[in-house]
């Protein structure tokens, strides 16, 4: 695959990842928060799902009950942010790779090593956070 085609794909990955984040932010504002900041409570034998938002409507935050499907959607969308962040960062890193490799020559670390280390850190950190979100989601359900 030629360089232009790879860069177009990387650009689309960046656009889609950022679009996911924008949709998340808009939904967060519309419903007043998200499920990871919320909780589930049993009231008189009935399960009630709450979302909570920080500084969306008031300085102290805001919480409200929502239907179960909204809570589940919100949690799943919150989980999807982490692979989106990883994809965007990796696409940007790969687009910058030729410049990084040209800049870091003959020093403590080669450009290729730096790119590899950065990519590894991105994958590990976002995977750990996403796994943590999935674990919490499973525990709450």
N, C-alpha and C. Protein backbone atom coordinates (compact mmCIF):
# COMPACT_ATOMS: atom_id res chain seq x y z
N UNK A 1 0.85 -1.17 0.00
CA UNK A 1 0.00 0.00 0.00
C UNK A 1 0.90 1.24 0.00
N UNK A 2 0.57 2.19 -0.84
CA UNK A 2 1.42 3.38 -0.92
C UNK A 2 1.16 4.34 0.25
N UNK A 3 2.09 5.25 0.43
CA UNK A 3 2.07 6.18 1.57
C UNK A 3 0.80 7.03 1.61
N UNK A 4 0.35 7.52 0.47
CA UNK A 4 -0.85 8.38 0.44
C UNK A 4 -2.08 7.62 0.92
N UNK A 5 -2.22 6.38 0.47
CA UNK A 5 -3.38 5.58 0.89
C UNK A 5 -3.33 5.30 2.39
N UNK A 6 -2.14 4.97 2.90
CA UNK A 6 -2.00 4.75 4.35
C UNK A 6 -2.35 6.01 5.13
N UNK A 7 -1.90 7.16 4.65
CA UNK A 7 -2.20 8.42 5.35
C UNK A 7 -3.69 8.77 5.27
N UNK A 8 -4.34 8.44 4.17
CA UNK A 8 -5.80 8.66 4.09
C UNK A 8 -6.52 7.80 5.11
N UNK A 9 -6.11 6.54 5.21
CA UNK A 9 -6.73 5.64 6.20
C UNK A 9 -6.48 6.17 7.61
N UNK A 10 -5.26 6.60 7.89
CA UNK A 10 -4.93 7.15 9.21
C UNK A 10 -5.75 8.40 9.49
N UNK A 11 -5.92 9.24 8.50
CA UNK A 11 -6.72 10.45 8.67
C UNK A 11 -8.17 10.10 8.99
N UNK A 12 -8.73 9.09 8.32
CA UNK A 12 -10.09 8.67 8.61
C UNK A 12 -10.21 8.06 10.00
N UNK A 13 -9.18 7.35 10.43
CA UNK A 13 -9.19 6.81 11.80
C UNK A 13 -9.23 7.96 12.80
N UNK A 14 -8.46 9.00 12.55
CA UNK A 14 -8.45 10.18 13.43
C UNK A 14 -9.83 10.85 13.42
N UNK A 15 -10.40 11.03 12.23
CA UNK A 15 -11.71 11.68 12.13
C UNK A 15 -12.78 10.86 12.86
N UNK A 16 -12.79 9.55 12.64
CA UNK A 16 -13.79 8.69 13.30
C UNK A 16 -13.61 8.66 14.82
N UNK A 17 -12.36 8.59 15.27
CA UNK A 17 -12.09 8.60 16.71
C UNK A 17 -12.52 9.90 17.37
N UNK A 18 -12.19 11.01 16.73
CA UNK A 18 -12.61 12.30 17.28
C UNK A 18 -14.12 12.48 17.21
N UNK A 19 -14.74 11.95 16.17
CA UNK A 19 -16.21 12.00 16.06
C UNK A 19 -16.86 11.23 17.19
N UNK A 20 -16.31 10.07 17.53
CA UNK A 20 -16.84 9.29 18.65
C UNK A 20 -16.75 10.10 19.94
N UNK A 21 -15.63 10.79 20.14
CA UNK A 21 -15.48 11.60 21.34
C UNK A 21 -16.47 12.77 21.35
N UNK A 22 -16.69 13.40 20.19
CA UNK A 22 -17.64 14.51 20.11
C UNK A 22 -19.06 14.03 20.40
N UNK A 23 -19.44 12.88 19.82
CA UNK A 23 -20.77 12.32 20.09
C UNK A 23 -20.91 12.02 21.58
N UNK A 24 -19.86 11.45 22.17
CA UNK A 24 -19.88 11.16 23.61
C UNK A 24 -20.10 12.45 24.41
N UNK A 25 -19.38 13.50 24.07
CA UNK A 25 -19.49 14.76 24.80
C UNK A 25 -20.89 15.37 24.64
N UNK A 26 -21.45 15.29 23.45
CA UNK A 26 -22.79 15.84 23.21
C UNK A 26 -23.84 15.04 24.00
N UNK A 27 -23.75 13.71 23.95
CA UNK A 27 -24.70 12.88 24.71
C UNK A 27 -24.53 13.12 26.20
N UNK A 28 -23.29 13.24 26.66
CA UNK A 28 -23.01 13.53 28.07
C UNK A 28 -23.73 14.81 28.49
N UNK A 29 -23.62 15.83 27.66
CA UNK A 29 -24.27 17.11 27.97
C UNK A 29 -25.79 16.99 27.92
N UNK A 30 -26.31 16.25 26.95
CA UNK A 30 -27.76 16.13 26.81
C UNK A 30 -28.40 15.36 27.96
N UNK A 31 -27.78 14.26 28.37
CA UNK A 31 -28.39 13.48 29.45
C UNK A 31 -27.91 13.90 30.83
N UNK A 32 -26.91 14.76 30.86
CA UNK A 32 -26.46 15.31 32.13
C UNK A 32 -25.39 14.51 32.84
N UNK A 33 -24.70 13.66 32.12
CA UNK A 33 -23.62 12.90 32.74
C UNK A 33 -23.39 11.59 32.03
N UNK A 34 -22.79 10.66 32.77
CA UNK A 34 -22.57 9.33 32.20
C UNK A 34 -22.70 8.26 33.28
N UNK A 35 -22.83 7.03 32.84
CA UNK A 35 -23.06 5.92 33.76
C UNK A 35 -21.85 5.59 34.64
N UNK A 36 -20.60 5.66 34.15
CA UNK A 36 -19.49 5.36 35.05
C UNK A 36 -19.43 6.26 36.28
N UNK A 37 -19.92 7.48 36.15
CA UNK A 37 -19.97 8.38 37.30
C UNK A 37 -21.25 8.19 38.11
N UNK A 38 -22.19 7.44 37.56
CA UNK A 38 -23.46 7.20 38.23
C UNK A 38 -23.44 5.93 39.05
N UNK A 39 -24.63 5.42 39.30
CA UNK A 39 -24.74 4.21 40.13
C UNK A 39 -26.10 3.57 39.90
N UNK A 40 -26.26 2.39 40.50
CA UNK A 40 -27.52 1.66 40.46
C UNK A 40 -27.99 1.50 41.90
N UNK A 41 -29.29 1.71 42.12
CA UNK A 41 -29.82 1.62 43.48
C UNK A 41 -31.14 0.84 43.45
N UNK A 42 -31.35 0.02 44.46
CA UNK A 42 -32.63 -0.67 44.61
C UNK A 42 -33.50 0.15 45.55
N UNK A 43 -34.66 0.57 45.04
CA UNK A 43 -35.60 1.34 45.83
C UNK A 43 -36.92 0.59 45.84
N UNK A 44 -37.32 0.13 47.02
CA UNK A 44 -38.56 -0.62 47.19
C UNK A 44 -38.65 -1.80 46.22
N UNK A 45 -37.54 -2.52 46.09
CA UNK A 45 -37.50 -3.70 45.24
C UNK A 45 -37.40 -3.41 43.75
N UNK A 46 -37.25 -2.15 43.40
CA UNK A 46 -37.13 -1.77 41.99
C UNK A 46 -35.74 -1.20 41.74
N UNK A 47 -35.12 -1.63 40.64
CA UNK A 47 -33.78 -1.15 40.30
C UNK A 47 -33.89 0.18 39.57
N UNK A 48 -33.16 1.17 40.09
CA UNK A 48 -33.16 2.51 39.49
C UNK A 48 -31.72 2.81 39.06
N UNK A 49 -31.59 3.30 37.83
CA UNK A 49 -30.28 3.60 37.25
C UNK A 49 -30.06 5.11 37.25
N UNK A 50 -28.91 5.53 37.76
CA UNK A 50 -28.59 6.95 37.83
C UNK A 50 -27.33 7.24 37.02
N UNK A 51 -27.38 8.35 36.31
CA UNK A 51 -26.17 8.89 35.68
C UNK A 51 -25.78 10.13 36.47
N UNK A 52 -24.53 10.48 36.40
CA UNK A 52 -24.06 11.65 37.13
C UNK A 52 -23.12 12.43 36.24
N UNK A 53 -23.23 13.74 36.29
CA UNK A 53 -22.36 14.60 35.49
C UNK A 53 -21.65 15.60 36.38
N UNK A 54 -20.43 15.85 36.04
CA UNK A 54 -19.63 16.83 36.79
C UNK A 54 -19.72 18.18 36.11
N UNK A 55 -20.23 19.16 36.80
CA UNK A 55 -20.26 20.56 36.35
C UNK A 55 -21.06 20.75 35.05
N UNK A 56 -21.99 19.85 34.76
CA UNK A 56 -22.78 20.01 33.55
C UNK A 56 -23.89 21.03 33.79
N UNK A 57 -24.62 20.86 34.88
CA UNK A 57 -25.73 21.76 35.16
C UNK A 57 -25.49 22.62 36.39
N UNK A 58 -24.68 22.12 37.32
CA UNK A 58 -24.39 22.84 38.56
C UNK A 58 -22.95 22.60 38.95
N UNK A 59 -22.40 23.46 39.78
CA UNK A 59 -21.02 23.32 40.23
C UNK A 59 -20.81 22.04 41.04
N UNK A 60 -21.82 21.60 41.77
CA UNK A 60 -21.66 20.40 42.60
C UNK A 60 -21.92 19.12 41.82
N UNK A 61 -22.26 19.25 40.57
CA UNK A 61 -22.57 18.08 39.78
C UNK A 61 -24.07 17.88 39.69
N UNK A 62 -24.46 16.82 39.05
CA UNK A 62 -25.86 16.59 38.78
C UNK A 62 -26.07 15.10 38.61
N UNK A 63 -27.14 14.59 39.14
CA UNK A 63 -27.48 13.18 38.91
C UNK A 63 -28.96 13.07 38.66
N UNK A 64 -29.29 12.07 37.87
CA UNK A 64 -30.71 11.84 37.60
C UNK A 64 -30.91 10.38 37.24
N UNK A 65 -32.13 9.92 37.48
CA UNK A 65 -32.43 8.54 37.10
C UNK A 65 -32.75 8.51 35.61
N UNK A 66 -32.34 7.41 34.99
CA UNK A 66 -32.55 7.22 33.55
C UNK A 66 -33.03 5.78 33.32
N UNK A 67 -33.61 5.53 32.17
CA UNK A 67 -33.97 4.15 31.85
C UNK A 67 -32.72 3.27 31.77
N UNK A 68 -32.91 1.99 32.00
CA UNK A 68 -31.79 1.04 31.99
C UNK A 68 -31.01 1.10 30.68
N UNK A 69 -31.72 1.21 29.54
CA UNK A 69 -31.04 1.20 28.25
C UNK A 69 -30.15 2.43 28.08
N UNK A 70 -30.56 3.56 28.63
CA UNK A 70 -29.73 4.78 28.55
C UNK A 70 -28.47 4.58 29.39
N UNK A 71 -28.63 4.01 30.57
CA UNK A 71 -27.48 3.76 31.45
C UNK A 71 -26.50 2.81 30.78
N UNK A 72 -27.02 1.73 30.19
CA UNK A 72 -26.15 0.75 29.51
C UNK A 72 -25.47 1.38 28.30
N UNK A 73 -26.24 2.13 27.49
CA UNK A 73 -25.64 2.82 26.35
C UNK A 73 -24.52 3.75 26.80
N UNK A 74 -24.78 4.52 27.84
CA UNK A 74 -23.81 5.48 28.34
C UNK A 74 -22.54 4.77 28.78
N UNK A 75 -22.68 3.65 29.48
CA UNK A 75 -21.51 2.92 29.96
C UNK A 75 -20.71 2.35 28.79
N UNK A 76 -21.42 1.74 27.84
CA UNK A 76 -20.72 1.16 26.68
C UNK A 76 -20.03 2.25 25.87
N UNK A 77 -20.68 3.39 25.70
CA UNK A 77 -20.04 4.49 24.97
C UNK A 77 -18.82 5.00 25.74
N UNK A 78 -18.90 5.02 27.06
CA UNK A 78 -17.73 5.42 27.86
C UNK A 78 -16.57 4.45 27.67
N UNK A 79 -16.89 3.17 27.56
CA UNK A 79 -15.85 2.17 27.31
C UNK A 79 -15.24 2.38 25.93
N UNK A 80 -16.07 2.72 24.94
CA UNK A 80 -15.58 2.87 23.57
C UNK A 80 -14.64 4.06 23.38
N UNK A 81 -14.64 4.97 24.31
CA UNK A 81 -13.75 6.13 24.20
C UNK A 81 -12.28 5.70 24.24
N UNK A 82 -11.96 4.70 25.07
CA UNK A 82 -10.56 4.31 25.24
C UNK A 82 -9.93 3.71 24.00
N UNK A 83 -10.58 2.76 23.29
CA UNK A 83 -9.97 2.32 22.03
C UNK A 83 -9.94 3.43 20.98
N UNK A 84 -10.91 4.36 21.05
CA UNK A 84 -10.89 5.50 20.13
C UNK A 84 -9.67 6.37 20.38
N UNK A 85 -9.38 6.63 21.65
CA UNK A 85 -8.20 7.43 22.00
C UNK A 85 -6.94 6.72 21.51
N UNK A 86 -6.86 5.41 21.74
CA UNK A 86 -5.69 4.64 21.30
C UNK A 86 -5.54 4.72 19.78
N UNK A 87 -6.63 4.53 19.06
CA UNK A 87 -6.58 4.54 17.60
C UNK A 87 -6.13 5.90 17.08
N UNK A 88 -6.67 6.97 17.64
CA UNK A 88 -6.30 8.33 17.21
C UNK A 88 -4.81 8.58 17.50
N UNK A 89 -4.38 8.27 18.72
CA UNK A 89 -2.96 8.49 19.06
C UNK A 89 -2.02 7.66 18.21
N UNK A 90 -2.37 6.40 17.97
CA UNK A 90 -1.51 5.55 17.14
C UNK A 90 -1.48 6.03 15.69
N UNK A 91 -2.63 6.46 15.16
CA UNK A 91 -2.66 6.98 13.79
C UNK A 91 -1.80 8.25 13.69
N UNK A 92 -1.91 9.12 14.68
CA UNK A 92 -1.10 10.34 14.67
C UNK A 92 0.39 10.01 14.81
N UNK A 93 0.70 9.05 15.67
CA UNK A 93 2.09 8.64 15.86
C UNK A 93 2.66 8.06 14.56
N UNK A 94 1.88 7.24 13.87
CA UNK A 94 2.37 6.66 12.62
C UNK A 94 2.53 7.71 11.53
N UNK A 95 1.69 8.73 11.56
CA UNK A 95 1.84 9.81 10.58
C UNK A 95 3.09 10.65 10.88
N UNK A 96 3.43 10.77 12.16
CA UNK A 96 4.61 11.54 12.57
C UNK A 96 5.89 10.70 12.56
N UNK A 97 5.76 9.39 12.40
CA UNK A 97 6.89 8.46 12.49
C UNK A 97 8.09 8.86 11.61
N UNK A 98 7.90 9.21 10.34
CA UNK A 98 9.07 9.58 9.54
C UNK A 98 9.83 10.78 10.11
N UNK A 99 9.10 11.74 10.66
CA UNK A 99 9.74 12.92 11.24
C UNK A 99 10.45 12.57 12.54
N UNK A 100 9.84 11.72 13.35
CA UNK A 100 10.47 11.29 14.60
C UNK A 100 11.74 10.52 14.31
N UNK A 101 11.68 9.61 13.33
CA UNK A 101 12.86 8.83 12.99
C UNK A 101 13.99 9.70 12.43
N UNK A 102 13.64 10.73 11.67
CA UNK A 102 14.66 11.63 11.12
C UNK A 102 15.27 12.51 12.21
N UNK A 103 14.50 12.86 13.21
CA UNK A 103 14.96 13.75 14.28
C UNK A 103 15.82 13.02 15.31
N UNK A 104 15.43 11.80 15.67
CA UNK A 104 16.13 11.05 16.71
C UNK A 104 17.09 10.04 16.08
N UNK A 105 18.25 10.51 15.72
CA UNK A 105 19.29 9.64 15.15
C UNK A 105 20.56 9.81 15.95
N UNK A 106 21.15 8.69 16.32
CA UNK A 106 22.45 8.73 16.98
C UNK A 106 22.43 9.25 18.40
N UNK A 107 21.31 9.31 19.04
CA UNK A 107 21.23 9.77 20.42
C UNK A 107 21.10 8.61 21.37
N UNK A 108 20.51 8.89 22.50
CA UNK A 108 20.28 7.86 23.51
C UNK A 108 19.33 6.79 22.99
N UNK A 109 18.36 7.22 22.22
CA UNK A 109 17.35 6.30 21.70
C UNK A 109 17.09 6.63 20.23
N UNK A 110 17.00 5.62 19.41
CA UNK A 110 16.71 5.86 18.00
C UNK A 110 15.24 6.24 17.83
N UNK A 111 14.93 6.83 16.69
CA UNK A 111 13.56 7.22 16.41
C UNK A 111 12.62 6.02 16.38
N UNK A 112 13.10 4.91 15.78
CA UNK A 112 12.27 3.71 15.71
C UNK A 112 11.97 3.17 17.11
N UNK A 113 12.97 3.19 17.98
CA UNK A 113 12.76 2.73 19.36
C UNK A 113 11.77 3.63 20.09
N UNK A 114 11.91 4.93 19.90
CA UNK A 114 10.99 5.87 20.55
C UNK A 114 9.56 5.64 20.08
N UNK A 115 9.36 5.46 18.78
CA UNK A 115 8.02 5.21 18.24
C UNK A 115 7.47 3.91 18.82
N UNK A 116 8.30 2.88 18.89
CA UNK A 116 7.86 1.60 19.45
C UNK A 116 7.48 1.73 20.92
N UNK A 117 8.30 2.45 21.69
CA UNK A 117 8.01 2.65 23.11
C UNK A 117 6.70 3.44 23.28
N UNK A 118 6.54 4.51 22.53
CA UNK A 118 5.32 5.31 22.63
C UNK A 118 4.08 4.49 22.25
N UNK A 119 4.18 3.73 21.16
CA UNK A 119 3.05 2.90 20.74
C UNK A 119 2.71 1.86 21.81
N UNK A 120 3.73 1.27 22.39
CA UNK A 120 3.51 0.27 23.44
C UNK A 120 2.83 0.88 24.65
N UNK A 121 3.29 2.06 25.06
CA UNK A 121 2.69 2.74 26.22
C UNK A 121 1.23 3.09 25.92
N UNK A 122 0.96 3.58 24.72
CA UNK A 122 -0.42 3.92 24.35
C UNK A 122 -1.31 2.69 24.44
N UNK A 123 -0.86 1.58 23.87
CA UNK A 123 -1.67 0.36 23.87
C UNK A 123 -1.87 -0.17 25.29
N UNK A 124 -0.81 -0.20 26.08
CA UNK A 124 -0.92 -0.75 27.44
C UNK A 124 -1.82 0.11 28.31
N UNK A 125 -1.60 1.42 28.31
CA UNK A 125 -2.38 2.31 29.18
C UNK A 125 -3.86 2.31 28.80
N UNK A 126 -4.16 2.46 27.51
CA UNK A 126 -5.57 2.49 27.11
C UNK A 126 -6.23 1.13 27.32
N UNK A 127 -5.48 0.05 27.13
CA UNK A 127 -6.04 -1.29 27.36
C UNK A 127 -6.35 -1.51 28.84
N UNK A 128 -5.46 -1.06 29.71
CA UNK A 128 -5.70 -1.21 31.15
C UNK A 128 -6.92 -0.40 31.59
N UNK A 129 -7.02 0.82 31.11
CA UNK A 129 -8.16 1.66 31.49
C UNK A 129 -9.45 1.07 30.94
N UNK A 130 -9.44 0.64 29.68
CA UNK A 130 -10.63 0.04 29.09
C UNK A 130 -11.03 -1.23 29.83
N UNK A 131 -10.05 -2.05 30.19
CA UNK A 131 -10.33 -3.27 30.95
C UNK A 131 -10.93 -2.93 32.30
N UNK A 132 -10.43 -1.89 32.93
CA UNK A 132 -10.98 -1.44 34.21
C UNK A 132 -12.44 -1.02 34.05
N UNK A 133 -12.74 -0.28 33.00
CA UNK A 133 -14.13 0.14 32.74
C UNK A 133 -15.02 -1.06 32.49
N UNK A 134 -14.55 -2.03 31.70
CA UNK A 134 -15.34 -3.23 31.41
C UNK A 134 -15.59 -4.01 32.70
N UNK A 135 -14.56 -4.13 33.53
CA UNK A 135 -14.69 -4.85 34.81
C UNK A 135 -15.74 -4.19 35.70
N UNK A 136 -15.66 -2.88 35.82
CA UNK A 136 -16.64 -2.14 36.63
C UNK A 136 -18.05 -2.28 36.07
N UNK A 137 -18.17 -2.22 34.75
CA UNK A 137 -19.47 -2.37 34.10
C UNK A 137 -20.07 -3.74 34.41
N UNK A 138 -19.26 -4.78 34.30
CA UNK A 138 -19.73 -6.14 34.58
C UNK A 138 -20.12 -6.29 36.06
N UNK A 139 -19.34 -5.69 36.96
CA UNK A 139 -19.66 -5.77 38.39
C UNK A 139 -20.98 -5.07 38.71
N UNK A 140 -21.21 -3.94 38.07
CA UNK A 140 -22.42 -3.17 38.37
C UNK A 140 -23.68 -3.84 37.84
N UNK A 141 -23.55 -4.54 36.73
CA UNK A 141 -24.73 -5.23 36.18
C UNK A 141 -24.95 -6.49 36.98
